[in-house]
PDB file of N, CA and C in Angstrom:
ATOM      1  N   MET A   1      37.672  21.547 -14.275  1.00  0.00           N
ATOM      2  CA  MET A   1      37.332  20.413 -15.108  1.00  0.00           C
ATOM      3  C   MET A   1      37.069  19.177 -14.255  1.00  0.00           C
ATOM      4  N   ASP A   2      37.790  19.008 -13.144  1.00  0.00           N
ATOM      5  CA  ASP A   2      37.582  17.846 -12.278  1.00  0.00           C
ATOM      6  C   ASP A   2      36.171  17.826 -11.694  1.00  0.00           C
ATOM      7  N   GLY A   3      35.676  18.957 -11.292  1.00  0.00           N
ATOM      8  CA  GLY A   3      34.332  19.037 -10.709  1.00  0.00           C
ATOM      9  C   GLY A   3      33.261  18.683 -11.717  1.00  0.00           C
ATOM     10  N   THR A   4      33.457  19.089 -12.966  1.00  0.00           N
ATOM     11  CA  THR A   4      32.476  18.805 -14.006  1.00  0.00           C
ATOM     12  C   THR A   4      32.388  17.312 -14.276  1.00  0.00           C
ATOM     13  N   ALA A   5      33.517  16.638 -14.306  1.00  0.00           N
ATOM     14  CA  ALA A   5      33.522  15.193 -14.559  1.00  0.00           C
ATOM     15  C   ALA A   5      32.815  14.447 -13.442  1.00  0.00           C
ATOM     16  N   ILE A   6      33.033  14.868 -12.215  1.00  0.00           N
ATOM     17  CA  ILE A   6      32.388  14.206 -11.076  1.00  0.00           C
ATOM     18  C   ILE A   6      30.875  14.407 -11.137  1.00  0.00           C
ATOM     19  N   ILE A   7      30.452  15.615 -11.464  1.00  0.00           N
ATOM     20  CA  ILE A   7      29.014  15.894 -11.553  1.00  0.00           C
ATOM     21  C   ILE A   7      28.378  15.088 -12.691  1.00  0.00           C
ATOM     22  N   ILE A   8      29.057  14.962 -13.799  1.00  0.00           N
ATOM     23  CA  ILE A   8      28.527  14.171 -14.925  1.00  0.00           C
ATOM     24  C   ILE A   8      28.403  12.699 -14.522  1.00  0.00           C
ATOM     25  N   ILE A   9      29.415  12.168 -13.853  1.00  0.00           N
ATOM     26  CA  ILE A   9      29.368  10.772 -13.404  1.00  0.00           C
ATOM     27  C   ILE A   9      28.223  10.562 -12.419  1.00  0.00           C
ATOM     28  N   LEU A  10      28.055  11.484 -11.473  1.00  0.00           N
ATOM     29  CA  LEU A  10      26.960  11.374 -10.511  1.00  0.00           C
ATOM     30  C   LEU A  10      25.599  11.489 -11.203  1.00  0.00           C
ATOM     31  N   ALA A  11      25.485  12.349 -12.207  1.00  0.00           N
ATOM     32  CA  ALA A  11      24.218  12.495 -12.931  1.00  0.00           C
ATOM     33  C   ALA A  11      23.878  11.210 -13.684  1.00  0.00           C
ATOM     34  N   ILE A  12      24.864  10.614 -14.334  1.00  0.00           N
ATOM     35  CA  ILE A  12      24.633   9.363 -15.067  1.00  0.00           C
ATOM     36  C   ILE A  12      24.230   8.247 -14.100  1.00  0.00           C
ATOM     37  N   ALA A  13      24.902   8.177 -12.960  1.00  0.00           N
ATOM     38  CA  ALA A  13      24.570   7.153 -11.968  1.00  0.00           C
ATOM     39  C   ALA A  13      23.156   7.377 -11.408  1.00  0.00           C
ATOM     40  N   GLY A  14      22.788   8.620 -11.205  1.00  0.00           N
ATOM     41  CA  GLY A  14      21.445   8.923 -10.703  1.00  0.00           C
ATOM     42  C   GLY A  14      20.368   8.534 -11.698  1.00  0.00           C
ATOM     43  N   VAL A  15      20.578   8.866 -12.963  1.00  0.00           N
ATOM     44  CA  VAL A  15      19.604   8.506 -14.002  1.00  0.00           C
ATOM     45  C   VAL A  15      19.505   6.986 -14.116  1.00  0.00           C
ATOM     46  N   ALA A  16      20.632   6.297 -14.057  1.00  0.00           N
ATOM     47  CA  ALA A  16      20.621   4.834 -14.147  1.00  0.00           C
ATOM     48  C   ALA A  16      19.866   4.221 -12.969  1.00  0.00           C
ATOM     49  N   SER A  17      20.061   4.760 -11.774  1.00  0.00           N
ATOM     50  CA  SER A  17      19.376   4.203 -10.611  1.00  0.00           C
ATOM     51  C   SER A  17      17.872   4.450 -10.689  1.00  0.00           C
ATOM     52  N   VAL A  18      17.458   5.606 -11.175  1.00  0.00           N
ATOM     53  CA  VAL A  18      16.027   5.887 -11.330  1.00  0.00           C
ATOM     54  C   VAL A  18      15.419   4.951 -12.371  1.00  0.00           C
ATOM     55  N   LEU A  19      16.115   4.726 -13.484  1.00  0.00           N
ATOM     56  CA  LEU A  19      15.608   3.813 -14.507  1.00  0.00           C
ATOM     57  C   LEU A  19      15.497   2.385 -13.979  1.00  0.00           C
ATOM     58  N   LEU A  20      16.494   1.932 -13.218  1.00  0.00           N
ATOM     59  CA  LEU A  20      16.439   0.591 -12.651  1.00  0.00           C
ATOM     60  C   LEU A  20      15.296   0.457 -11.647  1.00  0.00           C
ATOM     61  N   PHE A  21      15.074   1.488 -10.843  1.00  0.00           N
ATOM     62  CA  PHE A  21      13.980   1.475  -9.870  1.00  0.00           C
ATOM     63  C   PHE A  21      12.638   1.401 -10.591  1.00  0.00           C
ATOM     64  N   ALA A  22      12.472   2.177 -11.657  1.00  0.00           N
ATOM     65  CA  ALA A  22      11.227   2.143 -12.420  1.00  0.00           C
ATOM     66  C   ALA A  22      11.033   0.793 -13.107  1.00  0.00           C
ATOM     67  N   LEU A  23      12.088   0.228 -13.637  1.00  0.00           N
ATOM     68  CA  LEU A  23      12.009  -1.084 -14.286  1.00  0.00           C
ATOM     69  C   LEU A  23      11.646  -2.174 -13.280  1.00  0.00           C
ATOM     70  N   LYS A  24      12.211  -2.103 -12.083  1.00  0.00           N
ATOM     71  CA  LYS A  24      11.883  -3.076 -11.046  1.00  0.00           C
ATOM     72  C   LYS A  24      10.409  -2.972 -10.671  1.00  0.00           C
ATOM     73  N   GLY A  25       9.899  -1.771 -10.529  1.00  0.00           N
ATOM     74  CA  GLY A  25       8.486  -1.587 -10.214  1.00  0.00           C
ATOM     75  C   GLY A  25       7.587  -2.156 -11.297  1.00  0.00           C
ATOM     76  N   LEU A  26       7.968  -1.963 -12.541  1.00  0.00           N
ATOM     77  CA  LEU A  26       7.192  -2.497 -13.662  1.00  0.00           C
ATOM     78  C   LEU A  26       7.221  -4.024 -13.665  1.00  0.00           C
ATOM     79  N   LEU A  27       8.386  -4.604 -13.461  1.00  0.00           N
ATOM     80  CA  LEU A  27       8.510  -6.057 -13.476  1.00  0.00           C
ATOM     81  C   LEU A  27       7.822  -6.707 -12.281  1.00  0.00           C
ATOM     82  N   ASP A  28       7.716  -5.993 -11.159  1.00  0.00           N
ATOM     83  CA  ASP A  28       7.002  -6.530 -10.000  1.00  0.00           C
ATOM     84  C   ASP A  28       5.509  -6.664 -10.272  1.00  0.00           C
ATOM     85  N   GLN A  29       4.980  -5.909 -11.216  1.00  0.00           N
ATOM     86  CA  GLN A  29       3.552  -5.950 -11.523  1.00  0.00           C
ATOM     87  C   GLN A  29       3.202  -7.037 -12.533  1.00  0.00           C
ATOM     88  N   VAL A  30       4.170  -7.586 -13.223  1.00  0.00           N
ATOM     89  CA  VAL A  30       3.903  -8.560 -14.288  1.00  0.00           C
ATOM     90  C   VAL A  30       3.173  -9.808 -13.777  1.00  0.00           C
ATOM     91  N   PRO A  31       3.571 -10.435 -12.656  1.00  0.00           N
ATOM     92  CA  PRO A  31       2.833 -11.627 -12.209  1.00  0.00           C
ATOM     93  C   PRO A  31       1.359 -11.343 -11.918  1.00  0.00           C
ATOM     94  N   ASP A  32       1.067 -10.179 -11.322  1.00  0.00           N
ATOM     95  CA  ASP A  32      -0.328  -9.835 -11.044  1.00  0.00           C
ATOM     96  C   ASP A  32      -1.127  -9.651 -12.330  1.00  0.00           C
ATOM     97  N   VAL A  33      -0.511  -9.071 -13.330  1.00  0.00           N
ATOM     98  CA  VAL A  33      -1.188  -8.880 -14.621  1.00  0.00           C
ATOM     99  C   VAL A  33      -1.470 -10.235 -15.271  1.00  0.00           C
ATOM    100  N   ILE A  34      -0.523 -11.155 -15.187  1.00  0.00           N
ATOM    101  CA  ILE A  34      -0.719 -12.484 -15.775  1.00  0.00           C
ATOM    102  C   ILE A  34      -1.840 -13.228 -15.041  1.00  0.00           C
ATOM    103  N   ASP A  35      -1.869 -13.136 -13.712  1.00  0.00           N
ATOM    104  CA  ASP A  35      -2.944 -13.778 -12.943  1.00  0.00           C
ATOM    105  C   ASP A  35      -4.302 -13.189 -13.303  1.00  0.00           C
ATOM    106  N   SER A  36      -4.375 -11.875 -13.433  1.00  0.00           N
ATOM    107  CA  SER A  36      -5.630 -11.223 -13.793  1.00  0.00           C
ATOM    108  C   SER A  36      -6.080 -11.641 -15.186  1.00  0.00           C
ATOM    109  N   ALA A  37      -5.147 -11.758 -16.105  1.00  0.00           N
ATOM    110  CA  ALA A  37      -5.498 -12.174 -17.464  1.00  0.00           C
ATOM    111  C   ALA A  37      -6.037 -13.608 -17.448  1.00  0.00           C
ATOM    112  N   GLY A  38      -5.457 -14.477 -16.648  1.00  0.00           N
ATOM    113  CA  GLY A  38      -5.947 -15.852 -16.546  1.00  0.00           C
ATOM    114  C   GLY A  38      -7.348 -15.911 -15.964  1.00  0.00           C
ATOM    115  N   ARG A  39      -7.606 -15.104 -14.924  1.00  0.00           N
ATOM    116  CA  ARG A  39      -8.946 -15.079 -14.339  1.00  0.00           C
ATOM    117  C   ARG A  39      -9.959 -14.517 -15.323  1.00  0.00           C
ATOM    118  N   ALA A  40      -9.569 -13.498 -16.070  1.00  0.00           N
ATOM    119  CA  ALA A  40     -10.480 -12.924 -17.071  1.00  0.00           C
ATOM    120  C   ALA A  40     -10.777 -13.942 -18.168  1.00  0.00           C
ATOM    121  N   ARG A  41      -9.766 -14.697 -18.602  1.00  0.00           N
ATOM    122  CA  ARG A  41      -9.974 -15.722 -19.630  1.00  0.00           C
ATOM    123  C   ARG A  41     -10.920 -16.808 -19.127  1.00  0.00           C
ATOM    124  N   ASP A  42     -10.735 -17.253 -17.870  1.00  0.00           N
ATOM    125  CA  ASP A  42     -11.613 -18.275 -17.307  1.00  0.00           C
ATOM    126  C   ASP A  42     -13.050 -17.775 -17.200  1.00  0.00           C
ATOM    127  N   SER A  43     -13.225 -16.540 -16.778  1.00  0.00           N
ATOM    128  CA  SER A  43     -14.568 -15.967 -16.682  1.00  0.00           C
ATOM    129  C   SER A  43     -15.212 -15.865 -18.052  1.00  0.00           C
ATOM    130  N   TRP A  44     -14.446 -15.485 -19.049  1.00  0.00           N
ATOM    131  CA  TRP A  44     -14.983 -15.377 -20.412  1.00  0.00           C
ATOM    132  C   TRP A  44     -15.410 -16.746 -20.927  1.00  0.00           C
ATOM    133  N   GLN A  45     -14.619 -17.775 -20.656  1.00  0.00           N
ATOM    134  CA  GLN A  45     -14.985 -19.118 -21.103  1.00  0.00           C
ATOM    135  C   GLN A  45     -16.240 -19.610 -20.396  1.00  0.00           C
ATOM    136  N   ARG A  46     -16.387 -19.316 -19.097  1.00  0.00           N
ATOM    137  CA  ARG A  46     -17.615 -19.698 -18.387  1.00  0.00           C
ATOM    138  C   ARG A  46     -18.809 -18.935 -18.935  1.00  0.00           C
ATOM    139  N   PHE A  47     -18.609 -17.694 -19.322  1.00  0.00           N
ATOM    140  CA  PHE A  47     -19.693 -16.886 -19.891  1.00  0.00           C
ATOM    141  C   PHE A  47     -20.121 -17.435 -21.247  1.00  0.00           C
ATOM    142  N   ARG A  48     -19.150 -17.839 -22.062  1.00  0.00           N
ATOM    143  CA  ARG A  48     -19.456 -18.331 -23.409  1.00  0.00           C
ATOM    144  C   ARG A  48     -20.087 -19.724 -23.377  1.00  0.00           C
ATOM    145  N   GLN A  49     -19.766 -20.534 -22.367  1.00  0.00           N
ATOM    146  CA  GLN A  49     -20.301 -21.882 -22.266  1.00  0.00           C
ATOM    147  C   GLN A  49     -20.889 -22.081 -20.872  1.00  0.00           C
ATOM    148  N   PRO A  50     -22.082 -21.552 -20.631  1.00  0.00           N
ATOM    149  CA  PRO A  50     -22.659 -21.682 -19.283  1.00  0.00           C
ATOM    150  C   PRO A  50     -22.995 -23.143 -18.981  1.00  0.00           C
ATOM    151  N   VAL A  51     -22.991 -23.465 -17.720  1.00  0.00           N
ATOM    152  CA  VAL A  51     -23.325 -24.816 -17.277  1.00  0.00           C
ATOM    153  C   VAL A  51     -24.824 -25.004 -17.458  1.00  0.00           C
ATOM    154  N   GLN A  52     -25.204 -26.056 -18.165  1.00  0.00           N
ATOM    155  CA  GLN A  52     -26.618 -26.320 -18.398  1.00  0.00           C
ATOM    156  C   GLN A  52     -27.117 -27.289 -17.339  1.00  0.00           C
ATOM    157  N   LEU A  53     -28.154 -26.860 -16.622  1.00  0.00           N
ATOM    158  CA  LEU A  53     -28.745 -27.703 -15.594  1.00  0.00           C
ATOM    159  C   LEU A  53     -29.692 -28.695 -16.249  1.00  0.00           C
ATOM    160  N   PRO A  54     -29.834 -29.885 -15.680  1.00  0.00           N
ATOM    161  CA  PRO A  54     -30.761 -30.859 -16.280  1.00  0.00           C
ATOM    162  C   PRO A  54     -32.201 -30.359 -16.166  1.00  0.00           C
ATOM    163  N   ARG A  55     -32.991 -30.660 -17.193  1.00  0.00           N
ATOM    164  CA  ARG A  55     -34.392 -30.241 -17.169  1.00  0.00           C
ATOM    165  C   ARG A  55     -35.149 -31.085 -16.156  1.00  0.00           C
ATOM    166  N   ALA A  56     -36.290 -30.575 -15.709  1.00  0.00           N
ATOM    167  CA  ALA A  56     -37.070 -31.250 -14.674  1.00  0.00           C
ATOM    168  C   ALA A  56     -37.569 -32.598 -15.169  1.00  0.00           C
ATOM    169  N   ASP A  57     -37.911 -32.744 -16.448  1.00  0.00           N
ATOM    170  CA  ASP A  57     -38.436 -34.015 -16.940  1.00  0.00           C
ATOM    171  C   ASP A  57     -37.332 -35.042 -17.155  1.00  0.00           C
ATOM    172  N   GLU A  58     -36.085 -34.653 -17.127  1.00  0.00           N
ATOM    173  CA  GLU A  58     -34.970 -35.582 -17.288  1.00  0.00           C
ATOM    174  C   GLU A  58     -34.428 -36.096 -15.968  1.00  0.00           C
ATOM    175  N   GLU A  59     -34.877 -35.516 -14.868  1.00  0.00           N
ATOM    176  CA  GLU A  59     -34.382 -35.928 -13.577  1.00  0.00           C
ATOM    177  C   GLU A  59     -35.016 -37.260 -13.170  1.00  0.00           C
ATOM    178  N   GLU A  60     -34.289 -38.055 -12.415  1.00  0.00           N
ATOM    179  CA  GLU A  60     -34.828 -39.322 -11.938  1.00  0.00           C
ATOM    180  C   GLU A  60     -35.798 -39.040 -10.792  1.00  0.00           C
ATOM    181  N   PRO A  61     -36.840 -39.847 -10.697  1.00  0.00           N
ATOM    182  CA  PRO A  61     -37.780 -39.628  -9.589  1.00  0.00           C
ATOM    183  C   PRO A  61     -37.122 -39.984  -8.254  1.00  0.00           C
ATOM    184  N   PRO A  62     -37.575 -39.387  -7.164  1.00  0.00           N
ATOM    185  CA  PRO A  62     -36.981 -39.712  -5.870  1.00  0.00           C
ATOM    186  C   PRO A  62     -37.270 -41.168  -5.519  1.00  0.00           C
ATOM    187  N   MET A  63     -36.335 -41.773  -4.838  1.00  0.00           N
ATOM    188  CA  MET A  63     -36.496 -43.176  -4.447  1.00  0.00           C
ATOM    189  C   MET A  63     -37.434 -43.282  -3.248  1.00  0.00           C
ATOM    190  N   ALA A  64     -38.248 -44.321  -3.266  1.00  0.00           N
ATOM    191  CA  ALA A  64     -39.185 -44.539  -2.152  1.00  0.00           C
ATOM    192  C   ALA A  64     -38.422 -45.088  -0.947  1.00  0.00           C
ATOM    193  N   ALA A  65     -38.823 -44.640   0.215  1.00  0.00           N
ATOM    194  CA  ALA A  65     -38.136 -45.089   1.418  1.00  0.00           C
ATOM    195  C   ALA A  65     -38.678 -46.369   1.951  1.00  0.00           C
TER     196      ALA A  65
END
């Protein structure tokens, strides 16, 4: 019975350590995902509202030297 209890405790500790390792890996990726989402949002806003260049007839004539 003593051996069984030790094996059960070691199994629980092993599963807990694997879960913590996986959770840490997932949480390490969160900042990169947030940065990517921000860049995608900025690109989408630039796509929806492109910068309009002034027309040729609205430009001021060059100054004489």
